[in-house]
Amino acid sequence: MPDLGTYAVEVSLAYGVSIALLVGVVALSVVQARRIKRALDEAEARRKK
């Protein structure tokens, strides 16, 4: 890890927040995709009846 000097805390915090936000966006996308897939599967099942 590079020597960040007096900015080590700020840089580490910025990295941590950025990673947390990226993980959150990916998680929300996966949840939304599953919800939409489930709704589409249900709509297709109703159509086949």
N, C-alpha and C. Protein backbone atom coordinates (compact mmCIF):
# COMPACT_ATOMS: atom_id res chain seq x y z
N MET A 1 0.85 -1.17 0.00
CA MET A 1 0.00 0.00 0.00
C MET A 1 0.89 1.23 0.00
N PRO A 2 0.56 2.21 -0.82
CA PRO A 2 1.40 3.40 -0.88
C PRO A 2 1.31 4.21 0.40
N ASP A 3 2.34 4.97 0.65
CA ASP A 3 2.38 5.83 1.83
C ASP A 3 1.51 7.05 1.55
N LEU A 4 0.41 7.19 2.28
CA LEU A 4 -0.52 8.29 2.04
C LEU A 4 -0.30 9.45 2.99
N GLY A 5 0.60 9.27 3.92
CA GLY A 5 0.93 10.35 4.84
C GLY A 5 -0.26 10.77 5.67
N THR A 6 -0.46 12.08 5.73
CA THR A 6 -1.52 12.61 6.59
C THR A 6 -2.91 12.39 6.02
N TYR A 7 -3.02 11.96 4.79
CA TYR A 7 -4.32 11.75 4.15
C TYR A 7 -4.77 10.29 4.16
N ALA A 8 -4.09 9.45 4.89
CA ALA A 8 -4.39 8.02 4.90
C ALA A 8 -5.83 7.74 5.32
N VAL A 9 -6.29 8.40 6.35
CA VAL A 9 -7.65 8.16 6.85
C VAL A 9 -8.68 8.59 5.81
N GLU A 10 -8.50 9.77 5.25
CA GLU A 10 -9.46 10.29 4.27
C GLU A 10 -9.50 9.42 3.01
N VAL A 11 -8.35 9.02 2.52
CA VAL A 11 -8.30 8.19 1.31
C VAL A 11 -8.90 6.82 1.59
N SER A 12 -8.56 6.22 2.71
CA SER A 12 -9.12 4.92 3.06
C SER A 12 -10.63 5.00 3.23
N LEU A 13 -11.11 6.06 3.85
CA LEU A 13 -12.55 6.25 4.01
C LEU A 13 -13.23 6.42 2.66
N ALA A 14 -12.63 7.18 1.77
CA ALA A 14 -13.19 7.37 0.44
C ALA A 14 -13.27 6.04 -0.32
N TYR A 15 -12.23 5.24 -0.24
CA TYR A 15 -12.24 3.93 -0.88
C TYR A 15 -13.34 3.06 -0.27
N GLY A 16 -13.44 3.06 1.04
CA GLY A 16 -14.45 2.25 1.72
C GLY A 16 -15.87 2.64 1.33
N VAL A 17 -16.13 3.93 1.31
CA VAL A 17 -17.46 4.42 0.94
C VAL A 17 -17.76 4.08 -0.52
N SER A 18 -16.79 4.24 -1.39
CA SER A 18 -16.99 3.93 -2.81
C SER A 18 -17.29 2.46 -3.01
N ILE A 19 -16.55 1.60 -2.35
CA ILE A 19 -16.79 0.16 -2.47
C ILE A 19 -18.16 -0.20 -1.91
N ALA A 20 -18.53 0.40 -0.78
CA ALA A 20 -19.85 0.12 -0.20
C ALA A 20 -20.97 0.56 -1.14
N LEU A 21 -20.82 1.72 -1.76
CA LEU A 21 -21.84 2.18 -2.70
C LEU A 21 -21.93 1.27 -3.92
N LEU A 22 -20.80 0.83 -4.43
CA LEU A 22 -20.82 -0.09 -5.58
C LEU A 22 -21.49 -1.41 -5.22
N VAL A 23 -21.19 -1.93 -4.06
CA VAL A 23 -21.82 -3.18 -3.61
C VAL A 23 -23.32 -2.97 -3.47
N GLY A 24 -23.72 -1.82 -2.94
CA GLY A 24 -25.14 -1.52 -2.80
C GLY A 24 -25.86 -1.44 -4.13
N VAL A 25 -25.26 -0.79 -5.10
CA VAL A 25 -25.87 -0.67 -6.43
C VAL A 25 -26.00 -2.04 -7.08
N VAL A 26 -24.98 -2.86 -6.97
CA VAL A 26 -25.03 -4.20 -7.55
C VAL A 26 -26.11 -5.02 -6.85
N ALA A 27 -26.19 -4.94 -5.54
CA ALA A 27 -27.20 -5.70 -4.79
C ALA A 27 -28.61 -5.27 -5.19
N LEU A 28 -28.85 -3.97 -5.29
CA LEU A 28 -30.16 -3.48 -5.70
C LEU A 28 -30.50 -3.94 -7.11
N SER A 29 -29.52 -3.96 -7.99
CA SER A 29 -29.75 -4.42 -9.37
C SER A 29 -30.13 -5.89 -9.40
N VAL A 30 -29.46 -6.69 -8.61
CA VAL A 30 -29.76 -8.13 -8.56
C VAL A 30 -31.16 -8.35 -8.00
N VAL A 31 -31.51 -7.64 -6.96
CA VAL A 31 -32.85 -7.78 -6.36
C VAL A 31 -33.91 -7.37 -7.38
N GLN A 32 -33.70 -6.27 -8.05
CA GLN A 32 -34.67 -5.81 -9.04
C GLN A 32 -34.78 -6.80 -10.21
N ALA A 33 -33.67 -7.33 -10.66
CA ALA A 33 -33.69 -8.29 -11.76
C ALA A 33 -34.46 -9.55 -11.36
N ARG A 34 -34.27 -10.02 -10.15
CA ARG A 34 -34.99 -11.21 -9.69
C ARG A 34 -36.48 -10.93 -9.59
N ARG A 35 -36.84 -9.74 -9.10
CA ARG A 35 -38.25 -9.38 -8.98
C ARG A 35 -38.91 -9.31 -10.35
N ILE A 36 -38.24 -8.71 -11.30
CA ILE A 36 -38.79 -8.59 -12.65
C ILE A 36 -38.90 -9.95 -13.32
N LYS A 37 -37.88 -10.80 -13.13
CA LYS A 37 -37.93 -12.14 -13.72
C LYS A 37 -39.10 -12.93 -13.15
N ARG A 38 -39.31 -12.82 -11.84
CA ARG A 38 -40.42 -13.52 -11.22
C ARG A 38 -41.75 -13.02 -11.79
N ALA A 39 -41.89 -11.71 -11.96
CA ALA A 39 -43.13 -11.16 -12.51
C ALA A 39 -43.34 -11.61 -13.96
N LEU A 40 -42.29 -11.66 -14.74
CA LEU A 40 -42.40 -12.12 -16.12
C LEU A 40 -42.76 -13.60 -16.18
N ASP A 41 -42.14 -14.39 -15.32
CA ASP A 41 -42.47 -15.82 -15.28
C ASP A 41 -43.94 -16.04 -14.92
N GLU A 42 -44.45 -15.26 -13.96
CA GLU A 42 -45.85 -15.37 -13.57
C GLU A 42 -46.76 -14.95 -14.72
N ALA A 43 -46.41 -13.90 -15.43
CA ALA A 43 -47.22 -13.43 -16.56
C ALA A 43 -47.24 -14.47 -17.67
N GLU A 44 -46.11 -15.10 -17.93
CA GLU A 44 -46.06 -16.14 -18.95
C GLU A 44 -46.88 -17.36 -18.53
N ALA A 45 -46.85 -17.69 -17.25
CA ALA A 45 -47.62 -18.84 -16.77
C ALA A 45 -49.11 -18.56 -16.91
N ARG A 46 -49.55 -17.34 -16.62
CA ARG A 46 -50.97 -16.98 -16.78
C ARG A 46 -51.37 -17.02 -18.25
N ARG A 47 -50.48 -16.62 -19.13
CA ARG A 47 -50.77 -16.58 -20.57
C ARG A 47 -50.93 -17.99 -21.13
N LYS A 48 -50.17 -18.94 -20.62
CA LYS A 48 -50.20 -20.32 -21.13
C LYS A 48 -51.48 -21.05 -20.72
N LYS A 49 -52.14 -20.60 -19.68
CA LYS A 49 -53.34 -21.30 -19.18
C LYS A 49 -54.51 -21.08 -20.09
